[in-house]
Amino acid sequence: MPGWAAVVAPALLAAGDALLVNGVEPGLQLWVSLLAAVALLWRLRFPVTAFLAGLPGMYLSYIWLAPMIALYTVAARRPRRWLLACTGLLMAAAQFVPYPLSDLSLSHRRETAVNLVDAFVVAATPIALGLLTRTRRELAERLDELTRSRAREDRLLADRVLATERARLAREMHDVVAHQVSLISLQAGAVQISTDDTRARAGARTIRELSVRTLDELRHMVGILRAAGADTEELTPQPRLADLPRLIELSALDVSYENRCEPDAERSEAVERAAFRTVQEALTNVRKHAPGSKVRVRVGEEPAGLVVEVRNGPADAAVPAPELPGGGHGLVGLRERAQSLGGTLEAHATREGGFVVRARFPRETPRENGGEPA
């Protein structure tokens, strides 16, 4: 119902009630009844005033609609207990006390009791309906607020999950791209040193420069990745421990590999992937910061789970550094990955001038144990 109709319709109904009770002949009773109907036009802003304006008509001519609608509005918009008690008693009195007052007779107790009950019922009905309407409106508002709050929480949860997946994909991309590009740069540097062909040397130099530029832009690519949606499950590589020999073979480093794991041991796919990335990132850092050094990669089982260790010696001064840029995110990402699986990662320099990266992963991840990842 439009707003104006909700204001005018009750006034028209009250005017019709006044005409039905008093007729069309002018008189005091008709005027006060029509005044009560007109007062309903302002009942939403001044409900108590509209109610008081309707009481004379109810007392003089026994109209019902105008004062009952006004009292309903008071209960719906001004639900103070003392106010409802006062207005209810006034309506009950206007309903119970006859006009003129000389007609009041209390000799018939049964009839008096029935009239008194009727007066209180007439007064209580609009109050109860008004309170019920107000309660229903408040419950609807609270339900709407809860619905909006739940929708906001769902959106925040979806954004958080998406951000987590994008961060995981960013770490994967950093591991893959940094490793492969640094390997390309290392091979190009070897060609540049060993060849006597001027064109080949110039091509190798260009490849090294492009590799450095690619690694330098990797952080910007990660930023773009965070801003764009992607199917992370399809884009993320899924390497396992069985792929480590191939990784070491392609690293072009002096690496000794020691695998003490049982071939048939059951491990989480996330743990094996994290172990692979740990070795991959460690070899990338060796190429960047300790070219020509000897590297030992050890993978073994402990009672607590899987242990991966990559240890390298000091850099060989005769081998030129590839001058690859570093964003400082590799070890941080590895540590976050290990902690999210319930493991640990430590990385520090050794007394011999080298560096060691050691990661420990549990046999089962927190998610598989029923908990939440850190």
Protein backbone atom coordinates (compact mmCIF):
# COMPACT_ATOMS: atom_id res chain seq x y z
CA MET A 1 0.00 0.00 0.00
CA PRO A 2 1.41 3.45 -0.93
CA GLY A 3 2.37 5.79 1.88
CA TRP A 4 -0.49 8.22 1.32
CA ALA A 5 -3.05 5.41 1.23
CA ALA A 6 -1.83 4.10 4.60
CA VAL A 7 -2.53 7.55 6.06
CA VAL A 8 -5.82 8.40 4.32
CA ALA A 9 -7.54 4.99 4.42
CA PRO A 10 -7.85 4.79 8.25
CA ALA A 11 -9.23 8.37 8.35
CA LEU A 12 -11.85 7.52 5.72
CA LEU A 13 -12.89 4.37 7.61
CA ALA A 14 -13.19 6.37 10.85
CA ALA A 15 -15.28 9.02 9.06
CA GLY A 16 -17.59 6.31 7.74
CA ASP A 17 -17.89 4.89 11.26
CA ALA A 18 -18.81 8.38 12.58
CA LEU A 19 -21.52 8.79 9.93
CA LEU A 20 -22.95 5.33 10.59
CA VAL A 21 -23.18 5.95 14.34
CA ASN A 22 -24.38 9.60 14.29
CA GLY A 23 -26.07 9.95 10.90
CA VAL A 24 -25.66 13.00 8.69
CA GLU A 25 -27.61 15.44 10.88
CA PRO A 26 -25.23 18.09 12.25
CA GLY A 27 -24.61 18.07 15.96
CA LEU A 28 -21.96 17.96 18.67
CA GLN A 29 -21.60 14.21 18.55
CA LEU A 30 -21.08 14.18 14.75
CA TRP A 31 -18.50 16.98 14.88
CA VAL A 32 -16.38 15.40 17.60
CA SER A 33 -16.56 12.05 15.79
CA LEU A 34 -15.43 13.63 12.50
CA LEU A 35 -12.69 15.48 14.40
CA ALA A 36 -11.42 12.14 15.66
CA ALA A 37 -11.36 10.86 12.05
CA VAL A 38 -9.48 13.92 10.79
CA ALA A 39 -6.94 13.62 13.63
CA LEU A 40 -5.93 10.21 12.26
CA LEU A 41 -4.21 11.98 9.35
CA TRP A 42 -1.46 12.95 11.81
CA ARG A 43 -1.46 9.73 13.83
CA LEU A 44 1.98 8.59 12.60
CA ARG A 45 3.71 11.76 13.83
CA PHE A 46 1.49 12.50 16.83
CA PRO A 47 -0.14 9.22 17.87
CA VAL A 48 -0.94 10.29 21.44
CA THR A 49 -2.55 13.54 20.25
CA ALA A 50 -4.64 11.65 17.70
CA PHE A 51 -5.77 9.25 20.43
CA LEU A 52 -6.77 12.06 22.80
CA ALA A 53 -8.67 13.76 19.98
CA GLY A 54 -10.68 10.56 19.45
CA LEU A 55 -11.69 9.99 23.08
CA PRO A 56 -14.48 12.64 23.16
CA GLY A 57 -16.12 11.06 20.13
CA MET A 58 -15.93 7.61 21.72
CA TYR A 59 -17.42 8.90 24.97
CA LEU A 60 -20.20 10.99 23.40
CA SER A 61 -21.25 8.77 20.50
CA TYR A 62 -19.53 5.40 21.04
CA ILE A 63 -17.45 5.42 17.86
CA TRP A 64 -14.76 2.76 17.88
CA LEU A 65 -12.54 2.92 14.80
CA ALA A 66 -10.85 6.32 15.33
CA PRO A 67 -9.72 5.82 18.97
CA MET A 68 -8.84 2.15 18.45
CA ILE A 69 -6.70 2.93 15.37
CA ALA A 70 -5.02 5.77 17.27
CA LEU A 71 -4.34 3.51 20.29
CA TYR A 72 -2.94 0.82 17.95
CA THR A 73 -0.54 3.44 16.56
CA VAL A 74 0.51 4.49 20.07
CA ALA A 75 1.35 0.86 20.93
CA ALA A 76 3.22 0.34 17.66
CA ARG A 77 5.27 3.56 17.76
CA ARG A 78 5.43 4.60 21.44
CA PRO A 79 5.60 1.32 23.39
CA ARG A 80 6.25 2.80 26.83
CA ARG A 81 4.55 0.84 29.58
CA TRP A 82 3.28 3.81 31.53
CA LEU A 83 1.94 5.45 28.38
CA LEU A 84 0.17 2.30 27.24
CA ALA A 85 -1.30 1.83 30.72
CA CYS A 86 -2.64 5.40 30.82
CA THR A 87 -4.09 5.37 27.31
CA GLY A 88 -5.59 1.93 27.86
CA LEU A 89 -7.30 3.05 31.08
CA LEU A 90 -8.62 6.16 29.36
CA MET A 91 -10.14 4.10 26.53
CA ALA A 92 -11.60 1.61 28.97
CA ALA A 93 -13.13 4.46 30.96
CA ALA A 94 -14.56 6.08 27.81
CA GLN A 95 -16.05 2.73 26.84
CA PHE A 96 -17.41 1.86 30.31
CA VAL A 97 -18.74 5.22 31.55
CA PRO A 98 -22.02 6.12 29.75
CA TYR A 99 -23.03 9.50 28.40
CA PRO A 100 -24.59 11.27 30.14
CA LEU A 101 -22.94 10.27 33.41
CA SER A 102 -26.33 10.15 35.13
CA ASP A 103 -27.08 6.92 33.26
CA LEU A 104 -24.33 5.10 35.16
CA SER A 105 -25.84 2.39 37.35
CA LEU A 106 -23.92 -0.10 39.42
CA SER A 107 -26.88 -1.90 40.89
CA HIS A 108 -26.76 -4.77 38.40
CA ARG A 109 -23.48 -6.39 39.29
CA ARG A 110 -23.50 -8.97 36.51
CA GLU A 111 -24.20 -6.41 33.81
CA THR A 112 -21.63 -4.03 35.30
CA ALA A 113 -18.96 -6.75 35.35
CA VAL A 114 -19.69 -7.67 31.74
CA ASN A 115 -19.47 -4.01 30.66
CA LEU A 116 -16.22 -3.57 32.58
CA VAL A 117 -14.67 -6.66 30.98
CA ASP A 118 -15.87 -5.49 27.58
CA ALA A 119 -14.27 -2.08 28.15
CA PHE A 120 -10.90 -3.59 29.04
CA VAL A 121 -11.06 -6.00 26.10
CA VAL A 122 -11.81 -3.09 23.74
CA ALA A 123 -8.83 -1.19 25.19
CA ALA A 124 -6.45 -4.16 25.28
CA THR A 125 -7.08 -5.35 21.71
CA PRO A 126 -5.46 -2.43 19.81
CA ILE A 127 -2.59 -2.37 22.32
CA ALA A 128 -1.88 -6.06 21.80
CA LEU A 129 -2.07 -5.72 18.01
CA GLY A 130 0.22 -2.70 18.06
CA LEU A 131 2.83 -4.44 20.22
CA LEU A 132 2.60 -7.53 18.01
CA THR A 133 3.15 -5.44 14.89
CA ARG A 134 6.12 -3.65 16.46
CA THR A 135 7.68 -6.94 17.58
CA ARG A 136 7.18 -8.41 14.13
CA ARG A 137 8.82 -5.37 12.52
CA GLU A 138 11.79 -5.51 14.91
CA LEU A 139 12.24 -9.22 14.28
CA ALA A 140 12.10 -8.64 10.52
CA GLU A 141 14.75 -5.90 10.82
CA ARG A 142 16.99 -8.10 12.94
CA LEU A 143 16.56 -11.00 10.54
CA ASP A 144 17.42 -8.74 7.63
CA GLU A 145 20.47 -7.47 9.51
CA LEU A 146 21.57 -11.02 10.30
CA THR A 147 21.08 -11.99 6.66
CA ARG A 148 23.23 -9.08 5.50
CA SER A 149 25.82 -9.86 8.16
CA ARG A 150 25.92 -13.50 7.07
CA ALA A 151 26.28 -12.45 3.45
CA ARG A 152 29.18 -10.16 4.39
CA GLU A 153 30.84 -12.97 6.35
CA ASP A 154 30.42 -15.32 3.39
CA ARG A 155 31.99 -12.76 1.07
CA LEU A 156 34.86 -12.17 3.48
CA LEU A 157 35.40 -15.91 3.82
CA ALA A 158 35.36 -16.36 0.05
CA ASP A 159 37.81 -13.47 -0.35
CA ARG A 160 40.06 -14.97 2.32
CA VAL A 161 40.03 -18.39 0.67
CA LEU A 162 40.74 -16.81 -2.71
CA ALA A 163 43.56 -14.73 -1.26
CA THR A 164 45.06 -17.82 0.36
CA GLU A 165 44.91 -19.75 -2.89
CA ARG A 166 46.43 -16.85 -4.80
CA ALA A 167 49.23 -16.57 -2.24
CA ARG A 168 49.89 -20.29 -2.56
CA LEU A 169 49.95 -20.00 -6.34
CA ALA A 170 52.28 -17.00 -6.04
CA ARG A 171 54.71 -19.10 -3.99
CA GLU A 172 54.49 -21.90 -6.54
CA MET A 173 55.12 -19.49 -9.38
CA HIS A 174 58.08 -17.98 -7.55
CA ASP A 175 59.60 -21.41 -6.99
CA VAL A 176 59.08 -22.60 -10.56
CA VAL A 177 59.97 -19.44 -12.46
CA ALA A 178 62.92 -18.44 -10.28
CA HIS A 179 64.43 -21.90 -10.52
CA GLN A 180 64.01 -22.27 -14.27
CA VAL A 181 65.10 -18.74 -15.16
CA SER A 182 68.15 -18.87 -12.92
CA LEU A 183 69.08 -22.18 -14.56
CA ILE A 184 68.76 -20.55 -17.98
CA SER A 185 70.95 -17.68 -16.83
CA LEU A 186 73.56 -20.07 -15.47
CA GLN A 187 73.69 -22.05 -18.72
CA ALA A 188 73.93 -18.82 -20.72
CA GLY A 189 76.81 -17.65 -18.53
CA ALA A 190 78.62 -20.91 -19.13
CA VAL A 191 78.18 -20.53 -22.87
CA GLN A 192 79.36 -16.93 -22.73
CA ILE A 193 82.59 -17.96 -20.99
CA SER A 194 83.37 -21.12 -22.95
CA THR A 195 82.59 -20.13 -26.56
CA ASP A 196 84.84 -18.22 -28.93
CA ASP A 197 82.03 -17.35 -31.30
CA THR A 198 81.26 -13.63 -31.02
CA ARG A 199 77.63 -14.05 -32.08
CA ALA A 200 77.10 -16.91 -29.65
CA ARG A 201 78.68 -14.89 -26.85
CA ALA A 202 76.43 -11.93 -27.65
CA GLY A 203 73.38 -14.20 -27.70
CA ALA A 204 74.35 -15.72 -24.35
CA ARG A 205 74.81 -12.25 -22.89
CA THR A 206 71.35 -11.26 -24.11
CA ILE A 207 69.85 -14.39 -22.58
CA ARG A 208 71.46 -13.59 -19.22
CA GLU A 209 70.18 -10.01 -19.33
CA LEU A 210 66.67 -11.21 -20.16
CA SER A 211 66.84 -13.74 -17.33
CA VAL A 212 67.82 -11.06 -14.86
CA ARG A 213 65.03 -8.83 -16.10
CA THR A 214 62.53 -11.68 -15.87
CA LEU A 215 63.41 -12.41 -12.26
CA ASP A 216 63.27 -8.73 -11.46
CA GLU A 217 59.72 -8.54 -12.88
CA LEU A 218 58.57 -11.65 -11.04
CA ARG A 219 57.38 -9.66 -8.06
CA HIS A 220 55.24 -7.50 -10.34
CA MET A 221 53.76 -10.64 -11.86
CA VAL A 222 52.87 -11.87 -8.39
CA GLY A 223 51.03 -8.61 -7.78
CA ILE A 224 49.06 -9.08 -10.97
CA LEU A 225 48.28 -12.63 -9.93
CA ARG A 226 46.81 -11.39 -6.63
CA ALA A 227 44.51 -9.03 -8.49
CA ALA A 228 43.24 -11.54 -11.04
CA GLY A 229 41.25 -14.71 -10.55
CA ALA A 230 42.55 -18.05 -11.73
CA ASP A 231 41.89 -21.74 -11.38
CA THR A 232 44.75 -22.49 -9.03
CA GLU A 233 44.29 -26.23 -9.12
CA GLU A 234 44.87 -26.33 -12.87
CA LEU A 235 47.76 -23.84 -12.90
CA THR A 236 49.71 -25.13 -9.90
CA PRO A 237 52.33 -27.80 -10.68
CA GLN A 238 52.22 -30.96 -8.60
CA PRO A 239 55.81 -32.26 -8.22
CA ARG A 240 56.67 -35.11 -5.85
CA LEU A 241 59.78 -36.47 -4.15
CA ALA A 242 60.28 -38.83 -7.07
CA ASP A 243 60.99 -35.78 -9.25
CA LEU A 244 64.02 -34.68 -7.19
CA PRO A 245 66.63 -36.63 -9.21
CA ARG A 246 65.46 -34.95 -12.39
CA LEU A 247 65.53 -31.53 -10.68
CA ILE A 248 69.09 -32.11 -9.47
CA GLU A 249 70.18 -33.36 -12.87
CA LEU A 250 68.95 -30.16 -14.52
CA SER A 251 70.41 -27.87 -11.86
CA ALA A 252 73.91 -27.81 -13.42
CA LEU A 253 75.40 -27.84 -9.92
CA ASP A 254 77.80 -30.16 -8.15
CA VAL A 255 75.16 -31.95 -6.09
CA SER A 256 75.33 -35.18 -4.12
CA TYR A 257 71.90 -36.62 -3.46
CA GLU A 258 71.09 -38.93 -0.56
CA ASN A 259 67.61 -40.41 -0.26
CA ARG A 260 66.93 -42.50 2.84
CA CYS A 261 63.16 -42.61 2.46
CA GLU A 262 61.25 -45.83 2.03
CA PRO A 263 59.96 -46.05 -1.53
CA ASP A 264 56.54 -47.33 -0.46
CA ALA A 265 56.04 -44.92 2.44
CA GLU A 266 52.72 -43.11 2.41
CA ARG A 267 53.02 -39.35 2.67
CA SER A 268 50.72 -36.43 2.12
CA GLU A 269 50.86 -34.95 -1.37
CA ALA A 270 51.17 -31.48 0.20
CA VAL A 271 54.20 -32.65 2.22
CA GLU A 272 55.97 -34.12 -0.82
CA ARG A 273 55.26 -31.01 -2.85
CA ALA A 274 56.60 -28.80 -0.06
CA ALA A 275 59.74 -30.94 0.21
CA PHE A 276 60.32 -30.64 -3.54
CA ARG A 277 59.88 -26.85 -3.43
CA THR A 278 62.30 -26.61 -0.52
CA VAL A 279 65.04 -28.32 -2.50
CA GLN A 280 64.21 -26.31 -5.60
CA GLU A 281 64.40 -22.96 -3.80
CA ALA A 282 67.59 -23.94 -1.98
CA LEU A 283 69.32 -24.86 -5.26
CA THR A 284 68.17 -21.58 -6.77
CA ASN A 285 69.72 -19.69 -3.86
CA VAL A 286 72.97 -21.66 -4.29
CA ARG A 287 73.20 -20.54 -7.91
CA LYS A 288 72.55 -16.94 -6.88
CA HIS A 289 74.79 -16.63 -3.84
CA ALA A 290 77.28 -19.50 -3.90
CA PRO A 291 78.15 -20.37 -7.52
CA GLY A 292 80.57 -23.24 -7.91
CA SER A 293 80.01 -24.57 -4.39
CA LYS A 294 79.42 -28.23 -3.60
CA VAL A 295 75.90 -29.09 -2.54
CA ARG A 296 74.52 -32.00 -0.56
CA VAL A 297 70.83 -32.80 -0.65
CA ARG A 298 69.59 -35.25 1.95
CA VAL A 299 66.05 -36.57 2.32
CA GLY A 300 65.26 -38.94 5.16
CA GLU A 301 62.67 -40.23 7.59
CA GLU A 302 62.50 -39.48 11.29
CA PRO A 303 59.97 -40.67 13.87
CA ALA A 304 58.24 -37.29 13.61
CA GLY A 305 58.12 -37.23 9.83
CA LEU A 306 60.08 -36.22 6.74
CA VAL A 307 63.35 -34.25 6.91
CA VAL A 308 64.82 -32.36 3.96
CA GLU A 309 68.27 -30.79 4.20
CA VAL A 310 70.19 -28.84 1.56
CA ARG A 311 73.73 -27.89 2.59
CA ASN A 312 76.27 -26.07 0.44
CA GLY A 313 79.84 -24.98 0.96
CA PRO A 314 81.40 -21.59 0.26
CA ALA A 315 81.27 -20.11 -3.21
CA ASP A 316 84.09 -20.79 -5.68
CA ALA A 317 85.86 -17.51 -6.41
CA ALA A 318 86.77 -18.74 -9.89
CA VAL A 319 83.13 -19.08 -10.91
CA PRO A 320 81.45 -15.76 -11.83
CA ALA A 321 78.23 -14.95 -10.01
CA PRO A 322 75.16 -14.88 -12.26
CA GLU A 323 74.05 -11.54 -10.74
CA LEU A 324 70.45 -12.66 -10.46
CA PRO A 325 68.10 -10.41 -8.50
CA GLY A 326 66.45 -11.69 -5.35
CA GLY A 327 63.11 -10.56 -4.00
CA GLY A 328 63.67 -11.99 -0.52
CA HIS A 329 60.47 -14.00 -0.68
CA GLY A 330 61.83 -17.51 -1.26
CA LEU A 331 62.78 -18.57 2.26
CA VAL A 332 59.84 -16.67 3.72
CA GLY A 333 57.47 -18.60 1.48
CA LEU A 334 59.16 -21.89 2.37
CA ARG A 335 58.85 -21.17 6.09
CA GLU A 336 55.16 -20.25 5.72
CA ARG A 337 54.54 -23.40 3.71
CA ALA A 338 56.24 -25.58 6.34
CA GLN A 339 54.34 -23.95 9.20
CA SER A 340 51.03 -24.33 7.39
CA LEU A 341 51.68 -28.08 7.23
CA GLY A 342 52.60 -28.26 10.93
CA GLY A 343 56.35 -28.44 10.31
CA THR A 344 59.37 -26.18 10.72
CA LEU A 345 62.09 -24.70 8.54
CA GLU A 346 65.45 -23.32 9.59
CA ALA A 347 68.01 -21.62 7.37
CA HIS A 348 71.35 -20.26 8.50
CA ALA A 349 74.99 -19.92 7.55
CA THR A 350 77.51 -22.58 8.52
CA ARG A 351 80.93 -22.22 10.13
CA GLU A 352 82.59 -23.28 6.88
CA GLY A 353 81.14 -20.27 5.05
CA GLY A 354 78.29 -22.15 3.45
CA PHE A 355 74.59 -22.30 4.08
CA VAL A 356 72.09 -24.91 5.20
CA VAL A 357 68.34 -25.16 4.76
CA ARG A 358 66.62 -27.81 6.86
CA ALA A 359 62.88 -28.50 6.83
CA ARG A 360 60.85 -30.97 8.85
CA PHE A 361 57.38 -32.04 7.81
CA PRO A 362 54.93 -34.23 9.77
CA ARG A 363 53.59 -37.45 8.32
CA GLU A 364 50.08 -36.00 8.37
CA THR A 365 49.12 -32.39 7.83
CA PRO A 366 46.92 -30.51 10.34
CA ARG A 367 44.02 -30.58 7.89
CA GLU A 368 44.25 -34.35 7.64
CA ASN A 369 44.27 -34.57 11.44
CA GLY A 370 41.05 -32.61 11.61
CA GLY A 371 42.63 -29.30 12.62
CA GLU A 372 43.20 -26.05 10.84
CA PRO A 373 46.48 -25.12 9.24
CA ALA A 374 48.50 -22.46 10.94
